[in-house]
Structures are given as structure tokens and as C-alpha cells.
Protein backbone atom coordinates (compact mmCIF):
# COMPACT_ATOMS: atom_id res chain seq x y z
CA MET A 1 0.10 0.20 -0.21
CA ASN A 2 1.73 2.90 -1.26
CA ALA A 3 1.48 6.56 0.17
CA ILE A 4 -1.20 7.45 -2.38
CA GLU A 5 -3.80 4.38 -1.37
CA LYS A 6 -3.03 4.76 2.39
CA TYR A 7 -4.27 8.38 1.82
CA GLU A 8 -7.44 7.66 0.36
CA PHE A 9 -8.48 4.39 1.87
CA ASP A 10 -8.36 6.64 5.26
CA ARG A 11 -10.27 9.47 3.98
CA LEU A 12 -12.66 7.25 1.72
CA GLY A 13 -13.01 3.88 3.56
CA TYR A 14 -12.51 1.93 0.16
CA ILE A 15 -9.68 1.89 -2.67
CA ILE A 16 -9.62 0.12 -5.78
CA ILE A 17 -6.68 -1.77 -6.83
CA PRO A 18 -6.16 -2.46 -10.52
CA ASN A 19 -5.05 -5.93 -12.08
CA ILE A 20 -4.47 -7.51 -8.45
CA LEU A 21 -5.10 -10.33 -10.12
CA THR A 22 -2.87 -11.87 -13.38
CA ASP A 23 -4.57 -12.93 -16.48
CA ALA A 24 -3.88 -16.48 -15.82
CA GLU A 25 -5.56 -16.32 -12.46
CA VAL A 26 -9.05 -14.69 -13.38
CA THR A 27 -9.41 -17.88 -16.07
CA LYS A 28 -8.79 -20.21 -13.30
CA LEU A 29 -10.83 -18.34 -10.90
CA SER A 30 -13.32 -17.81 -13.14
CA ALA A 31 -14.24 -21.39 -14.26
CA ALA A 32 -13.75 -22.22 -10.53
CA ILE A 33 -16.82 -19.96 -9.65
CA ASP A 34 -18.91 -21.31 -12.63
CA ALA A 35 -18.38 -24.50 -11.55
CA ALA A 36 -19.31 -24.16 -7.96
CA GLU A 37 -22.10 -21.89 -9.03
CA GLU A 38 -23.68 -25.56 -10.85
CA ASP A 39 -22.87 -27.71 -7.84
CA ALA A 40 -24.41 -25.27 -5.61
CA LEU A 41 -27.44 -25.45 -7.39
CA ALA A 42 -27.70 -28.84 -6.96
CA GLN A 43 -28.18 -28.17 -3.37
CA VAL A 44 -30.64 -25.32 -3.22
CA ASP A 45 -33.79 -27.12 -3.57
CA ARG A 46 -33.03 -29.12 -0.30
CA PRO A 47 -34.56 -28.37 3.24
CA PRO A 48 -32.09 -26.23 4.81
CA ASP A 49 -29.55 -27.61 6.79
CA LYS A 50 -29.18 -24.34 8.87
CA ILE A 51 -30.81 -21.01 9.60
CA SER A 52 -28.45 -18.13 10.13
CA ALA A 53 -29.08 -15.56 12.89
CA TYR A 54 -30.52 -13.41 9.99
CA GLY A 55 -33.13 -15.68 8.85
CA LEU A 56 -30.81 -17.18 6.12
CA GLN A 57 -31.50 -20.85 4.90
CA TYR A 58 -28.13 -22.41 4.17
CA ARG A 59 -27.82 -26.22 2.68
CA HIS A 60 -24.76 -27.84 3.66
CA ASN A 61 -22.50 -29.61 1.17
CA ALA A 62 -21.02 -31.85 3.90
CA ASP A 63 -18.54 -33.51 1.65
CA LYS A 64 -17.80 -31.05 -0.20
CA GLY A 65 -17.79 -28.47 2.94
CA TYR A 66 -19.18 -25.50 2.03
CA PHE A 67 -22.77 -24.04 2.46
CA VAL A 68 -25.34 -21.91 0.21
CA SER A 69 -27.92 -19.72 0.25
CA GLY A 70 -30.26 -18.22 -2.44
CA ARG A 71 -31.28 -19.52 -5.57
CA ARG A 72 -30.49 -19.00 -9.01
CA GLU A 73 -33.36 -16.49 -10.28
CA GLU A 74 -34.19 -12.83 -11.47
CA GLY A 75 -33.46 -10.75 -8.52
CA ASN A 76 -31.77 -13.41 -6.42
CA THR A 77 -28.90 -14.00 -5.15
CA LEU A 78 -26.60 -17.21 -4.80
CA VAL A 79 -23.79 -17.30 -2.06
CA ILE A 80 -21.29 -19.63 -1.42
CA GLU A 81 -19.95 -19.70 1.91
CA GLU A 82 -16.28 -21.71 2.74
CA PHE A 83 -15.19 -22.13 -0.70
CA PHE A 84 -12.08 -22.73 -0.11
CA ASN A 85 -12.98 -26.13 0.45
CA LEU A 86 -14.78 -26.62 -3.11
CA ASP A 87 -11.98 -26.33 -5.17
CA PRO A 88 -7.59 -25.91 -5.00
CA ALA A 89 -8.15 -23.56 -7.82
CA PHE A 90 -8.66 -20.97 -5.00
CA ASP A 91 -6.11 -21.56 -3.15
CA VAL A 92 -4.31 -18.70 -5.21
CA LEU A 93 -6.32 -16.52 -2.74
CA VAL A 94 -4.78 -18.27 0.57
CA ASP A 95 -1.69 -15.94 1.52
CA HIS A 96 -1.77 -13.88 -1.98
CA ALA A 97 1.07 -12.19 -1.76
CA PRO A 98 -0.20 -9.07 -3.44
CA THR A 99 -3.64 -9.02 -0.96
CA MET A 100 -1.39 -9.69 1.80
CA ALA A 101 0.72 -6.82 1.82
CA TYR A 102 -2.34 -4.47 1.88
CA ILE A 103 -3.78 -6.66 4.78
CA ARG A 104 -0.44 -6.73 6.71
CA GLN A 105 -0.91 -2.84 6.78
CA ILE A 106 -3.89 -2.20 8.06
CA VAL A 107 -5.13 -4.97 10.27
CA LYS A 108 -2.00 -4.22 13.13
CA GLU A 109 -2.58 -7.69 15.17
CA ARG A 110 -1.82 -11.15 13.38
CA PRO A 111 -4.21 -11.50 10.31
CA THR A 112 -6.55 -13.92 9.96
CA ILE A 113 -9.39 -14.93 7.41
CA ASN A 114 -12.82 -14.97 8.55
CA ASN A 115 -14.75 -14.85 5.75
CA SER A 116 -14.90 -16.34 2.44
CA GLU A 117 -17.98 -16.06 -0.20
CA ILE A 118 -19.02 -16.33 -3.78
CA ARG A 119 -21.48 -13.63 -4.24
CA ILE A 120 -23.36 -14.49 -7.51
CA ARG A 121 -25.88 -11.64 -8.06
CA TYR A 122 -28.79 -12.23 -10.86
CA PRO A 123 -30.35 -9.89 -12.99
CA GLY A 124 -32.62 -7.92 -11.16
CA ASN A 125 -30.87 -8.06 -7.80
CA GLN A 126 -29.61 -5.56 -5.38
CA THR A 127 -27.82 -5.56 -2.22
CA GLY A 128 -29.53 -3.25 0.72
CA SER A 129 -27.09 -0.57 1.93
CA HIS A 130 -25.80 -1.33 5.37
CA MET A 131 -23.08 -0.51 7.83
CA GLY A 132 -21.44 3.03 8.24
CA GLY A 133 -21.54 5.11 11.03
CA PRO A 134 -21.24 3.76 14.44
CA VAL A 135 -21.38 0.03 14.25
CA SER A 136 -20.60 -3.25 16.43
CA TRP A 137 -16.63 -4.11 17.67
CA LYS A 138 -16.09 -6.12 15.17
CA HIS A 139 -16.40 -3.75 12.32
CA GLN A 140 -14.82 -0.69 13.91
CA TYR A 141 -12.42 1.37 11.85
CA ALA A 142 -9.65 3.50 13.91
CA TYR A 143 -6.54 5.49 13.21
CA THR A 144 -3.91 5.51 16.21
CA PRO A 145 -0.21 5.89 16.58
CA ARG A 146 -0.04 2.28 14.54
CA GLY A 147 -1.62 4.11 11.69
CA ILE A 148 -4.54 2.87 10.13
CA ASP A 149 -6.16 0.06 12.89
CA CYS A 150 -8.81 -2.22 11.07
CA MET A 151 -11.01 -4.38 12.83
CA MET A 152 -13.11 -6.42 9.62
CA VAL A 153 -11.77 -5.36 6.44
CA ARG A 154 -12.97 -7.31 3.09
CA MET A 155 -11.41 -7.57 -0.39
CA VAL A 156 -14.00 -8.21 -3.16
CA TYR A 157 -12.04 -9.75 -6.65
CA PHE A 158 -13.75 -9.56 -10.07
CA THR A 159 -13.36 -11.81 -12.69
CA HIS A 160 -15.14 -9.87 -15.31
CA ASP A 161 -15.96 -6.22 -15.76
CA VAL A 162 -18.78 -4.78 -14.02
CA GLY A 163 -19.87 -1.15 -15.50
CA ARG A 164 -22.77 0.90 -15.19
CA ASP A 165 -26.11 -0.61 -14.52
CA GLN A 166 -24.46 -4.01 -14.45
CA GLY A 167 -24.75 -4.27 -10.22
CA GLU A 168 -21.61 -2.00 -9.11
CA PHE A 169 -20.34 -2.48 -5.65
CA CYS A 170 -21.51 1.05 -4.02
CA VAL A 171 -20.43 2.90 -1.13
CA VAL A 172 -20.99 6.02 0.47
CA PRO A 173 -17.47 7.27 1.03
CA ALA A 174 -16.08 8.15 4.24
CA THR A 175 -19.29 7.11 6.41
CA HIS A 176 -16.58 4.92 8.05
CA LYS A 177 -15.65 8.25 10.31
CA SER A 178 -19.13 9.20 10.54
CA ASN A 179 -20.60 9.48 14.19
CA MET A 180 -23.72 9.38 13.14
CA PRO A 181 -26.13 6.35 11.56
CA SER A 182 -27.74 6.81 8.22
CA PRO A 183 -30.73 9.13 8.76
CA TYR A 184 -32.17 7.91 5.31
CA GLU A 185 -35.14 5.35 5.54
CA GLY A 186 -34.84 1.71 3.75
CA SER A 187 -31.54 0.20 2.35
CA ASP A 188 -32.47 0.77 -1.31
CA PRO A 189 -28.60 1.57 -2.54
CA ASP A 190 -30.43 3.30 -5.82
CA LYS A 191 -31.94 6.23 -3.85
CA GLU A 192 -29.48 6.84 -0.82
CA PRO A 193 -28.22 10.17 -1.27
CA GLY A 194 -24.21 9.81 -1.26
CA MET A 195 -24.15 6.10 -2.43
CA ILE A 196 -21.92 5.84 -5.72
CA GLY A 197 -21.32 3.11 -8.00
CA LEU A 198 -17.86 1.64 -8.42
CA PRO A 199 -16.91 0.22 -11.78
CA VAL A 200 -14.20 -2.14 -12.24
CA LYS A 201 -12.23 -4.22 -14.74
CA ALA A 202 -11.32 -8.08 -14.38
CA GLY A 203 -8.94 -9.08 -12.39
CA ASP A 204 -9.18 -5.77 -10.03
CA ALA A 205 -10.24 -5.57 -6.39
CA ILE A 206 -12.09 -3.18 -3.83
CA LEU A 207 -10.85 -3.42 -0.90
CA PHE A 208 -12.83 -1.94 2.16
CA THR A 209 -13.36 -1.76 5.96
CA GLU A 210 -16.22 -3.13 6.90
CA ASN A 211 -17.31 0.33 8.91
CA LEU A 212 -17.91 2.01 5.53
CA ARG A 213 -21.57 1.89 4.46
CA HIS A 214 -21.92 0.30 1.16
CA GLY A 215 -23.98 -2.39 -1.05
CA GLY A 216 -24.49 -3.51 -4.40
CA LEU A 217 -27.19 -1.43 -7.25
CA THR A 218 -29.40 -3.04 -8.78
CA ASN A 219 -28.07 -5.26 -11.98
CA ARG A 220 -30.22 -3.70 -14.67
CA SER A 221 -28.36 -6.10 -17.17
CA ARG A 222 -28.95 -9.49 -18.21
CA GLN A 223 -25.01 -10.11 -17.27
CA THR A 224 -25.14 -12.07 -13.71
CA ARG A 225 -22.42 -10.93 -11.67
CA LYS A 226 -19.97 -13.13 -9.73
CA THR A 227 -17.27 -11.73 -7.23
CA LEU A 228 -15.01 -13.39 -5.03
CA HIS A 229 -14.84 -11.93 -1.34
CA VAL A 230 -12.49 -12.77 1.49
CA GLY A 231 -12.54 -10.95 4.69
CA TYR A 232 -9.79 -10.50 7.18
CA GLY A 233 -9.50 -9.33 11.08
CA PRO A 234 -6.86 -9.92 13.87
CA PHE A 235 -6.44 -13.25 14.65
CA TRP A 236 -8.71 -13.60 17.67
CA MET A 237 -11.98 -13.02 15.61
CA LYS A 238 -13.64 -16.27 14.60
CA SER A 239 -15.45 -17.00 11.55
CA GLN A 240 -17.85 -14.34 10.30
CA ASN A 241 -20.07 -16.32 7.63
CA HIS A 242 -23.55 -16.20 8.21
CA SER A 243 -23.19 -19.80 7.98
CA THR A 244 -20.72 -20.59 10.54
CA MET A 245 -20.57 -17.12 12.82
CA ASP A 246 -18.07 -16.98 15.57
CA GLU A 247 -17.45 -20.59 15.03
CA GLU A 248 -13.70 -21.64 14.26
CA PRO A 249 -13.37 -21.50 10.36
CA TYR A 250 -14.54 -24.47 8.57
CA ILE A 251 -11.66 -25.90 6.64
CA LEU A 252 -11.91 -29.50 5.95
CA PRO A 253 -8.80 -31.58 6.82
CA ARG A 254 -8.10 -32.11 3.01
CA THR A 255 -8.18 -28.48 2.23
CA PHE A 256 -5.65 -28.11 5.22
CA ALA A 257 -3.32 -31.03 4.16
CA ARG A 258 -2.89 -28.53 0.84
CA PHE A 259 -1.79 -25.11 2.95
CA THR A 260 1.49 -24.23 3.73
CA GLU A 261 2.17 -23.66 7.54
CA GLU A 262 1.84 -19.73 6.84
CA GLN A 263 -0.99 -20.58 5.05
CA ARG A 264 -2.74 -22.67 7.93
CA LEU A 265 -1.79 -19.59 10.08
CA LEU A 266 -4.71 -17.78 7.99
CA PHE A 267 -7.23 -19.66 9.16
CA ARG A 268 -5.91 -20.44 12.68
CA SER A 269 -7.51 -18.35 15.90
CA HIS A 270 -5.66 -17.77 19.01
CA GLN A 271 -8.58 -20.35 20.67
CA SER A 272 -7.31 -23.09 18.23
CA LEU A 273 -3.72 -22.65 18.51
CA LEU A 274 -4.12 -23.11 22.19
CA ALA A 275 -6.13 -26.19 21.51
CA ASP A 276 -3.39 -27.62 19.38
CA SER A 277 -0.77 -27.05 22.07
CA ALA A 278 -2.90 -28.82 24.94
CA GLY A 279 -2.98 -31.66 22.47
CA ASP A 280 0.74 -32.36 22.22
CA ASP A 281 1.03 -31.74 25.95
């Protein structure tokens, strides 16, 4: 993160990072997302295995280790959580060097991955406005003598272009520093004053603090918008996926076996490390 990026992230609460993924990574990840979508769609008509605290219904594919909510239809979203279990193609995002160069500068304690989503937004879909202003301790943004000091941050990777009216990720800039919640009624990002869409190209990513007010503008095109979300925070924060909220990250043993020790540490909270140490005694 150079001086301009750091200034803009602090000022606005987000930055767009061009070409953080190589062309080869984009091609590989795009194919893996498409395959994951088809696999997950075979699960969505089953009775739910889990209902989140927010009322979202999840189907769990125990063999492949992911949770899915939503369905493929006009105006809906398909969300696949814990996608690292699903395909080794996604391993490129574990300890991804260009990403970690940003994360280690803004998460001051040892960072770990606490969120992993494939988010597939079909035509007509929007994501309601949320966050901004006073938020829970999990999402807070601070600037301290150590510099930018974030709790939850998220990197959203794009494997295809997203332009005007294609369901752009949207933000109300600088609301991560607001002392008041949004006074506007409803959560329609298309109508909220100050909300702006962020067009991107394949290979780009958007890095933002979860304290920032954000959402997704209505996808008025016939293009299905597909993104990969990876969330980070301090090592003591457990899973922030809705399907496994505040549990240990749901990583299958065979997935963990693929990782290096440094990669494994990205999924290890203080509690899990203590448990390992106790097991060695």
C-alpha cells in the first residue's frame, strides 16, 4: 500500500486496486466460480440444514465443505460460503502476496481469514445498504499512533468487468468516520443520497473497511455478476460467514492438508492454537 493508497483508504474507507489478479488467475478463478455455481444449485431445493441469526437458510454440502443460500432466479443472489473447501483453484487467494501486502498494513494484529464467499448476483438483484457510522466492535475503523488499525476488512475480487447498471459494488464514501447512523429510511442503495457505484475491470479488487456504508446497486443488465469475497481481521476473531458465525473457520482436513504452515496460520485463531498446544502435551 503506497502513500496515495493509504491516504485514500483512510479518507474514503475503500480503494480500487487495478490488476491485483493476473490474467491466468482470472481465467482459473472464473472457471472455478462457474463450476461452484452449478454444484451449489443442485443443493438449493433441499430443506435447509442451518438458519443463520439473520434468518438466511443454508444448505450444507458436507462432502465438499461449503454452505449455500439463495437460488438462481431473477432478482436473487446465490451465496456460497467456505469456498476454499470446494476447489483447489481457490488456493491462490490463500496468502496471496499482493493481497497480504495490503492487509498486513491495515490489520495491526496477526491477520486471519474470517470470511469467504462466492457472491453471484442475477439480473434484477440488488444488495441493500448497510453499515456506516457507529457499528459493532467487530467492524470498527481506527487511526492510532500505529496508523490505520482495522477490525474487519474485505477484499472483493472481480473476474469480469462490472460497469454501469451491472450491479456495481457501491459505497457512501467516508461514512466509516461518521459519528451518526444513516438517517435515510430504507436500504435501497439506488435511492440513498451519497451512494456511488464503483465500476471495475476483470482482475481488479476493491478493498474496504466493513465500517463503511456499502451495498450493491441494482443489476439492470442481463449479465450475472460474480465476485469472490475474502474477509480479514485480527487473529482472535472467529468466522464471520453467516453460516458459521463466531465458530472456528470451517476448513476440511483435506483442504488444510494442501496448505503450507503460513497458509494454515491464516485460518488459526488464538483458541485453536491453544487447543493444538494442549493436544501436544
